[in-house]
N, C-alpha and C. Protein backbone atom coordinates (compact mmCIF):
# COMPACT_ATOMS: atom_id res chain seq x y z
N MET A 1 195.38 -24.79 116.96
CA MET A 1 194.65 -25.84 116.25
C MET A 1 195.61 -26.66 115.37
N GLN A 2 196.53 -25.96 114.73
CA GLN A 2 197.47 -26.63 113.82
C GLN A 2 198.29 -27.69 114.57
N THR A 3 198.81 -27.32 115.72
CA THR A 3 199.63 -28.25 116.51
C THR A 3 198.80 -29.44 116.99
N GLN A 4 197.58 -29.18 117.42
CA GLN A 4 196.68 -30.24 117.87
C GLN A 4 196.41 -31.23 116.73
N LEU A 5 196.17 -30.71 115.54
CA LEU A 5 195.91 -31.58 114.39
C LEU A 5 197.15 -32.39 114.02
N GLU A 6 198.33 -31.78 114.09
CA GLU A 6 199.57 -32.51 113.79
C GLU A 6 199.77 -33.66 114.76
N LYS A 7 199.55 -33.41 116.05
CA LYS A 7 199.72 -34.46 117.06
C LYS A 7 198.74 -35.60 116.84
N LEU A 8 197.53 -35.28 116.42
CA LEU A 8 196.51 -36.29 116.18
C LEU A 8 196.80 -37.10 114.92
N LEU A 9 197.25 -36.43 113.86
CA LEU A 9 197.32 -37.08 112.55
C LEU A 9 198.69 -37.66 112.19
N GLN A 10 199.76 -37.18 112.80
CA GLN A 10 201.09 -37.69 112.46
C GLN A 10 201.19 -39.21 112.67
N PRO A 11 200.75 -39.75 113.81
CA PRO A 11 200.83 -41.21 113.98
C PRO A 11 200.00 -41.98 112.95
N VAL A 12 198.89 -41.41 112.52
CA VAL A 12 198.03 -42.06 111.53
C VAL A 12 198.77 -42.16 110.20
N VAL A 13 199.37 -41.05 109.78
CA VAL A 13 200.09 -41.02 108.51
C VAL A 13 201.30 -41.96 108.57
N GLU A 14 202.04 -41.93 109.67
CA GLU A 14 203.23 -42.78 109.80
C GLU A 14 202.86 -44.26 109.82
N SER A 15 201.71 -44.60 110.37
CA SER A 15 201.29 -46.01 110.41
C SER A 15 201.04 -46.56 109.01
N LEU A 16 200.87 -45.66 108.05
CA LEU A 16 200.64 -46.06 106.66
C LEU A 16 201.92 -45.99 105.82
N GLY A 17 203.06 -45.84 106.49
CA GLY A 17 204.34 -45.84 105.80
C GLY A 17 204.73 -44.52 105.17
N CYS A 18 204.07 -43.45 105.56
CA CYS A 18 204.36 -42.13 105.01
C CYS A 18 204.80 -41.19 106.12
N GLN A 19 205.32 -40.06 105.72
CA GLN A 19 205.72 -39.01 106.65
C GLN A 19 204.76 -37.84 106.48
N LEU A 20 204.32 -37.26 107.59
CA LEU A 20 203.52 -36.05 107.52
C LEU A 20 204.49 -34.90 107.31
N TRP A 21 204.62 -34.45 106.06
CA TRP A 21 205.58 -33.42 105.72
C TRP A 21 205.12 -32.06 106.27
N GLY A 22 203.83 -31.81 106.15
CA GLY A 22 203.29 -30.54 106.63
C GLY A 22 201.78 -30.56 106.61
N LEU A 23 201.22 -29.56 107.24
CA LEU A 23 199.77 -29.49 107.37
C LEU A 23 199.37 -28.03 107.31
N ASP A 24 198.35 -27.72 106.52
CA ASP A 24 197.77 -26.38 106.47
C ASP A 24 196.32 -26.48 106.93
N TYR A 25 195.96 -25.63 107.88
CA TYR A 25 194.57 -25.57 108.33
C TYR A 25 194.10 -24.14 108.10
N LEU A 26 193.11 -23.99 107.24
CA LEU A 26 192.57 -22.67 106.93
C LEU A 26 191.09 -22.64 107.27
N SER A 27 190.73 -21.77 108.19
CA SER A 27 189.34 -21.63 108.58
C SER A 27 188.75 -20.42 107.86
N GLN A 28 187.66 -20.66 107.15
CA GLN A 28 187.03 -19.60 106.37
C GLN A 28 185.56 -19.50 106.77
N GLY A 29 185.32 -18.84 107.89
CA GLY A 29 183.96 -18.73 108.39
C GLY A 29 183.45 -20.07 108.86
N ARG A 30 182.35 -20.53 108.26
CA ARG A 30 181.73 -21.78 108.68
C ARG A 30 182.41 -23.01 108.04
N LYS A 31 183.24 -22.77 107.03
CA LYS A 31 183.92 -23.87 106.36
C LYS A 31 185.42 -23.79 106.63
N ALA A 32 186.06 -24.94 106.57
CA ALA A 32 187.51 -24.99 106.79
C ALA A 32 188.14 -25.92 105.76
N LEU A 33 189.44 -25.74 105.58
CA LEU A 33 190.20 -26.60 104.68
C LEU A 33 191.36 -27.18 105.48
N LEU A 34 191.47 -28.50 105.45
CA LEU A 34 192.58 -29.20 106.08
C LEU A 34 193.37 -29.88 104.97
N ARG A 35 194.59 -29.40 104.74
CA ARG A 35 195.43 -29.94 103.68
C ARG A 35 196.65 -30.59 104.30
N LEU A 36 196.83 -31.88 104.01
CA LEU A 36 197.99 -32.63 104.49
C LEU A 36 198.94 -32.87 103.33
N TYR A 37 200.23 -32.68 103.59
CA TYR A 37 201.26 -33.02 102.63
C TYR A 37 202.01 -34.22 103.18
N ILE A 38 202.05 -35.28 102.38
CA ILE A 38 202.73 -36.50 102.83
C ILE A 38 203.91 -36.79 101.91
N ASP A 39 204.89 -37.49 102.46
CA ASP A 39 206.06 -37.85 101.68
C ASP A 39 206.50 -39.25 102.09
N LYS A 40 207.29 -39.87 101.25
CA LYS A 40 207.89 -41.16 101.59
C LYS A 40 209.05 -41.40 100.63
N PRO A 41 209.99 -42.23 101.03
CA PRO A 41 211.11 -42.54 100.13
C PRO A 41 210.59 -43.09 98.81
N GLY A 42 211.13 -42.60 97.72
CA GLY A 42 210.69 -43.06 96.41
C GLY A 42 209.52 -42.27 95.86
N GLY A 43 208.94 -41.39 96.67
CA GLY A 43 207.85 -40.54 96.21
C GLY A 43 206.48 -41.06 96.59
N VAL A 44 205.52 -40.18 96.49
CA VAL A 44 204.14 -40.46 96.88
C VAL A 44 203.32 -40.80 95.64
N LEU A 45 202.54 -41.86 95.73
CA LEU A 45 201.65 -42.26 94.65
C LEU A 45 200.22 -41.85 95.00
N LEU A 46 199.38 -41.82 94.00
CA LEU A 46 197.96 -41.50 94.21
C LEU A 46 197.34 -42.45 95.24
N GLU A 47 197.73 -43.72 95.19
CA GLU A 47 197.20 -44.70 96.13
C GLU A 47 197.56 -44.35 97.59
N ASP A 48 198.76 -43.79 97.78
CA ASP A 48 199.16 -43.36 99.12
C ASP A 48 198.24 -42.26 99.62
N CYS A 49 197.97 -41.29 98.76
CA CYS A 49 197.09 -40.18 99.13
C CYS A 49 195.68 -40.70 99.46
N GLU A 50 195.19 -41.64 98.67
CA GLU A 50 193.87 -42.20 98.92
C GLU A 50 193.81 -42.94 100.25
N ARG A 51 194.84 -43.77 100.53
CA ARG A 51 194.87 -44.52 101.80
C ARG A 51 194.92 -43.57 103.00
N VAL A 52 195.80 -42.58 102.91
CA VAL A 52 195.92 -41.63 104.02
C VAL A 52 194.63 -40.85 104.18
N SER A 53 194.02 -40.45 103.10
CA SER A 53 192.77 -39.70 103.17
C SER A 53 191.67 -40.50 103.86
N ARG A 54 191.52 -41.77 103.47
CA ARG A 54 190.49 -42.61 104.10
C ARG A 54 190.73 -42.78 105.60
N GLN A 55 191.99 -43.05 105.96
CA GLN A 55 192.30 -43.29 107.37
C GLN A 55 192.16 -42.00 108.19
N VAL A 56 192.65 -40.89 107.65
CA VAL A 56 192.54 -39.61 108.36
C VAL A 56 191.06 -39.23 108.52
N SER A 57 190.27 -39.45 107.49
CA SER A 57 188.83 -39.15 107.57
C SER A 57 188.17 -39.93 108.71
N SER A 58 188.53 -41.21 108.83
CA SER A 58 187.97 -42.03 109.91
C SER A 58 188.36 -41.48 111.28
N VAL A 59 189.63 -41.14 111.45
CA VAL A 59 190.10 -40.60 112.73
C VAL A 59 189.43 -39.26 113.02
N MET A 60 189.30 -38.43 112.01
CA MET A 60 188.66 -37.11 112.19
C MET A 60 187.18 -37.27 112.57
N ASP A 61 186.51 -38.27 111.99
CA ASP A 61 185.11 -38.51 112.35
C ASP A 61 184.96 -38.91 113.81
N VAL A 62 185.90 -39.72 114.31
CA VAL A 62 185.84 -40.19 115.70
C VAL A 62 186.26 -39.08 116.66
N GLU A 63 187.38 -38.45 116.39
CA GLU A 63 187.93 -37.44 117.31
C GLU A 63 187.22 -36.09 117.20
N ASP A 64 186.72 -35.76 116.01
CA ASP A 64 185.96 -34.54 115.74
C ASP A 64 186.64 -33.25 116.26
N PRO A 65 187.91 -33.00 115.85
CA PRO A 65 188.61 -31.82 116.35
C PRO A 65 188.21 -30.50 115.67
N ILE A 66 187.53 -30.59 114.53
CA ILE A 66 187.13 -29.38 113.80
C ILE A 66 185.63 -29.23 113.88
N ALA A 67 185.21 -28.12 114.45
CA ALA A 67 183.77 -27.85 114.54
C ALA A 67 183.27 -27.41 113.16
N GLY A 68 182.16 -27.95 112.75
CA GLY A 68 181.58 -27.56 111.47
C GLY A 68 182.14 -28.34 110.31
N GLU A 69 181.85 -27.83 109.10
CA GLU A 69 182.26 -28.51 107.88
C GLU A 69 183.71 -28.21 107.55
N TYR A 70 184.38 -29.18 106.94
CA TYR A 70 185.73 -28.95 106.46
C TYR A 70 185.96 -29.84 105.25
N THR A 71 186.91 -29.44 104.43
CA THR A 71 187.33 -30.22 103.28
C THR A 71 188.72 -30.76 103.58
N LEU A 72 188.92 -32.05 103.34
CA LEU A 72 190.22 -32.69 103.55
C LEU A 72 190.88 -32.90 102.20
N GLU A 73 192.14 -32.47 102.08
CA GLU A 73 192.95 -32.71 100.89
C GLU A 73 194.24 -33.37 101.33
N VAL A 74 194.68 -34.39 100.60
CA VAL A 74 195.96 -35.05 100.88
C VAL A 74 196.76 -35.02 99.59
N SER A 75 198.01 -34.58 99.69
CA SER A 75 198.83 -34.37 98.51
C SER A 75 200.30 -34.65 98.81
N SER A 76 201.08 -34.80 97.76
CA SER A 76 202.54 -34.84 97.92
C SER A 76 203.01 -33.39 98.06
N PRO A 77 204.20 -33.17 98.61
CA PRO A 77 204.68 -31.80 98.75
C PRO A 77 204.98 -31.11 97.41
N GLY A 78 205.22 -31.87 96.36
CA GLY A 78 205.47 -31.29 95.05
C GLY A 78 206.89 -30.76 94.90
N MET A 79 207.19 -30.28 93.72
CA MET A 79 208.53 -29.76 93.42
C MET A 79 208.81 -28.47 94.17
N ASP A 80 207.79 -27.69 94.42
CA ASP A 80 207.97 -26.42 95.13
C ASP A 80 207.57 -26.58 96.60
N ARG A 81 207.94 -27.70 97.17
CA ARG A 81 207.50 -28.07 98.51
C ARG A 81 207.71 -26.95 99.52
N ALA A 82 206.73 -26.79 100.36
CA ALA A 82 206.83 -25.85 101.47
C ALA A 82 207.71 -26.48 102.55
N LEU A 83 208.40 -25.63 103.28
CA LEU A 83 209.22 -26.08 104.41
C LEU A 83 208.52 -25.62 105.67
N TYR A 84 208.19 -26.58 106.54
CA TYR A 84 207.40 -26.29 107.73
C TYR A 84 208.22 -26.27 109.01
N LYS A 85 209.24 -27.11 109.07
CA LYS A 85 210.01 -27.28 110.31
C LYS A 85 211.47 -26.96 110.05
N LEU A 86 212.15 -26.48 111.08
CA LEU A 86 213.55 -26.11 110.94
C LEU A 86 214.40 -27.27 110.43
N GLU A 87 214.11 -28.48 110.89
CA GLU A 87 214.87 -29.66 110.47
C GLU A 87 214.77 -29.89 108.96
N GLN A 88 213.65 -29.50 108.36
CA GLN A 88 213.46 -29.72 106.93
C GLN A 88 214.42 -28.86 106.10
N TYR A 89 214.77 -27.70 106.62
CA TYR A 89 215.69 -26.83 105.89
C TYR A 89 217.05 -27.51 105.70
N ALA A 90 217.50 -28.24 106.70
CA ALA A 90 218.81 -28.89 106.64
C ALA A 90 218.89 -29.88 105.47
N ASP A 91 217.77 -30.49 105.12
CA ASP A 91 217.75 -31.46 104.01
C ASP A 91 217.91 -30.80 102.65
N PHE A 92 217.73 -29.48 102.58
CA PHE A 92 217.73 -28.80 101.29
C PHE A 92 218.79 -27.71 101.17
N VAL A 93 219.86 -27.84 101.98
CA VAL A 93 220.99 -26.93 101.85
C VAL A 93 221.53 -27.03 100.43
N GLY A 94 221.79 -25.89 99.82
CA GLY A 94 222.28 -25.87 98.44
C GLY A 94 221.18 -25.62 97.42
N GLU A 95 219.94 -25.62 97.88
CA GLU A 95 218.79 -25.36 96.99
C GLU A 95 218.37 -23.90 97.10
N THR A 96 217.65 -23.43 96.10
CA THR A 96 217.10 -22.07 96.12
C THR A 96 215.77 -22.10 96.85
N VAL A 97 215.58 -21.14 97.74
CA VAL A 97 214.38 -21.06 98.56
C VAL A 97 213.78 -19.65 98.43
N SER A 98 212.47 -19.61 98.38
CA SER A 98 211.74 -18.36 98.40
C SER A 98 210.98 -18.31 99.72
N LEU A 99 211.14 -17.23 100.48
CA LEU A 99 210.43 -17.18 101.75
C LEU A 99 209.88 -15.81 102.06
N ARG A 100 208.86 -15.80 102.89
CA ARG A 100 208.19 -14.58 103.32
C ARG A 100 208.19 -14.57 104.84
N LEU A 101 208.51 -13.42 105.41
CA LEU A 101 208.55 -13.28 106.86
C LEU A 101 207.26 -12.66 107.38
N ARG A 102 206.96 -12.93 108.65
CA ARG A 102 205.80 -12.33 109.30
C ARG A 102 206.00 -10.83 109.50
N LEU A 103 207.24 -10.46 109.81
CA LEU A 103 207.61 -9.06 110.07
C LEU A 103 208.83 -8.72 109.24
N PRO A 104 209.02 -7.45 108.88
CA PRO A 104 210.21 -7.08 108.11
C PRO A 104 211.50 -7.37 108.87
N PHE A 105 212.51 -7.80 108.13
CA PHE A 105 213.85 -8.04 108.66
C PHE A 105 214.77 -7.22 107.77
N GLU A 106 215.48 -6.26 108.37
CA GLU A 106 216.33 -5.34 107.62
C GLU A 106 215.53 -4.69 106.48
N GLY A 107 214.27 -4.34 106.79
CA GLY A 107 213.43 -3.62 105.83
C GLY A 107 212.75 -4.47 104.78
N ARG A 108 212.91 -5.79 104.82
CA ARG A 108 212.32 -6.67 103.80
C ARG A 108 211.49 -7.77 104.45
N ARG A 109 210.47 -8.22 103.71
CA ARG A 109 209.70 -9.38 104.15
C ARG A 109 209.89 -10.57 103.22
N LYS A 110 210.26 -10.32 101.96
CA LYS A 110 210.41 -11.40 100.98
C LYS A 110 211.88 -11.57 100.61
N PHE A 111 212.30 -12.84 100.60
CA PHE A 111 213.68 -13.19 100.26
C PHE A 111 213.67 -14.38 99.33
N LYS A 112 214.61 -14.39 98.39
CA LYS A 112 214.78 -15.55 97.51
C LYS A 112 216.28 -15.70 97.31
N GLY A 113 216.80 -16.88 97.68
CA GLY A 113 218.22 -17.08 97.55
C GLY A 113 218.63 -18.51 97.84
N LEU A 114 219.93 -18.72 97.93
CA LEU A 114 220.51 -20.03 98.16
C LEU A 114 220.48 -20.36 99.65
N LEU A 115 219.92 -21.50 99.98
CA LEU A 115 219.90 -21.95 101.37
C LEU A 115 221.29 -22.46 101.73
N VAL A 116 221.96 -21.73 102.61
CA VAL A 116 223.34 -22.05 102.98
C VAL A 116 223.38 -23.01 104.15
N GLY A 117 222.43 -22.90 105.07
CA GLY A 117 222.41 -23.80 106.21
C GLY A 117 221.56 -23.29 107.34
N ILE A 118 221.75 -23.91 108.50
CA ILE A 118 221.02 -23.56 109.72
C ILE A 118 222.07 -23.18 110.76
N GLU A 119 221.85 -22.10 111.45
CA GLU A 119 222.75 -21.69 112.51
C GLU A 119 221.90 -21.37 113.74
N ASN A 120 222.01 -22.22 114.76
CA ASN A 120 221.12 -22.14 115.94
C ASN A 120 219.68 -22.22 115.46
N ASP A 121 218.87 -21.21 115.69
CA ASP A 121 217.47 -21.21 115.22
C ASP A 121 217.27 -20.25 114.06
N ASP A 122 218.34 -20.00 113.31
CA ASP A 122 218.28 -19.11 112.16
C ASP A 122 218.50 -19.88 110.87
N VAL A 123 217.84 -19.44 109.83
CA VAL A 123 218.03 -19.98 108.49
C VAL A 123 219.01 -19.05 107.79
N VAL A 124 220.09 -19.62 107.25
CA VAL A 124 221.10 -18.82 106.57
C VAL A 124 220.81 -18.85 105.08
N LEU A 125 220.53 -17.66 104.53
CA LEU A 125 220.15 -17.55 103.12
C LEU A 125 221.09 -16.56 102.44
N ARG A 126 221.67 -16.98 101.30
CA ARG A 126 222.52 -16.08 100.53
C ARG A 126 221.69 -15.50 99.39
N VAL A 127 221.54 -14.18 99.41
CA VAL A 127 220.82 -13.46 98.37
C VAL A 127 221.86 -12.60 97.66
N GLU A 128 222.11 -12.92 96.40
CA GLU A 128 223.19 -12.31 95.63
C GLU A 128 224.49 -12.48 96.40
N ASP A 129 225.14 -11.40 96.83
CA ASP A 129 226.43 -11.53 97.52
C ASP A 129 226.30 -11.34 99.03
N GLU A 130 225.09 -11.33 99.54
CA GLU A 130 224.89 -11.06 100.96
C GLU A 130 224.24 -12.26 101.65
N GLU A 131 224.72 -12.57 102.87
CA GLU A 131 224.11 -13.65 103.64
C GLU A 131 223.24 -13.07 104.74
N TYR A 132 222.06 -13.67 104.90
CA TYR A 132 221.12 -13.24 105.93
C TYR A 132 220.91 -14.38 106.91
N LEU A 133 220.90 -14.07 108.20
CA LEU A 133 220.51 -15.02 109.23
C LEU A 133 219.08 -14.66 109.60
N LEU A 134 218.14 -15.43 109.09
CA LEU A 134 216.73 -15.13 109.27
C LEU A 134 216.17 -16.00 110.39
N PRO A 135 215.65 -15.37 111.45
CA PRO A 135 215.10 -16.15 112.57
C PRO A 135 213.94 -17.04 112.10
N PHE A 136 214.04 -18.33 112.40
CA PHE A 136 213.02 -19.29 111.96
C PHE A 136 211.62 -18.87 112.42
N GLU A 137 211.50 -18.36 113.64
CA GLU A 137 210.17 -18.02 114.16
C GLU A 137 209.54 -16.85 113.40
N LEU A 138 210.31 -16.10 112.61
CA LEU A 138 209.76 -15.01 111.80
C LEU A 138 209.28 -15.47 110.43
N ILE A 139 209.62 -16.71 110.04
CA ILE A 139 209.26 -17.18 108.70
C ILE A 139 207.78 -17.57 108.67
N ASP A 140 207.06 -16.90 107.78
CA ASP A 140 205.63 -17.16 107.61
C ASP A 140 205.42 -18.30 106.62
N LYS A 141 206.19 -18.29 105.53
CA LYS A 141 206.03 -19.29 104.48
C LYS A 141 207.35 -19.42 103.74
N ALA A 142 207.74 -20.65 103.45
CA ALA A 142 208.96 -20.89 102.69
C ALA A 142 208.74 -22.05 101.72
N ASN A 143 209.23 -21.90 100.51
CA ASN A 143 209.09 -22.94 99.48
C ASN A 143 210.40 -23.10 98.74
N LEU A 144 210.65 -24.35 98.30
CA LEU A 144 211.76 -24.58 97.39
C LEU A 144 211.40 -23.99 96.04
N VAL A 145 212.40 -23.50 95.33
CA VAL A 145 212.20 -23.02 93.97
C VAL A 145 212.66 -24.16 93.06
N PRO A 146 211.73 -24.73 92.28
CA PRO A 146 212.08 -25.88 91.44
C PRO A 146 213.15 -25.52 90.42
N ARG A 147 214.02 -26.50 90.14
CA ARG A 147 215.04 -26.35 89.10
C ARG A 147 214.62 -27.21 87.91
N PHE A 148 214.58 -26.62 86.76
CA PHE A 148 214.25 -27.38 85.56
C PHE A 148 215.51 -27.48 84.71
N LYS A 149 215.81 -28.68 84.28
CA LYS A 149 217.06 -28.89 83.50
C LYS A 149 216.78 -28.87 82.04
């Protein structure tokens, strides 16, 4: 469902001058939540979220990909932005990342460290003095850790 929604909504978001940074679809029984994260150079304004929300709502009404009721939320990725695609990791090399894996890797599921880079389909993360090559397909959730000056 997630991939289907991305294919449907990415062109809509891009036509409004924004990038579809990520999408979360959570089905909770008879109700669902569709959360879109949008980005653009210079940052996202409230007006951008409103425009994208109106246009996405119209497309969702016509295409009707979600059975039943759902709530639509449109937001900027924020300071602790989630990383959804392997390409997004490359943009944040040198930043601290917190991530959770679907399955344990070397006995751990949670990692927090410096994003060193991408190697093939692995995310290279330095935790203290050790580097881990974490397979991208095992990553369940990853977020930037905000730096406050």
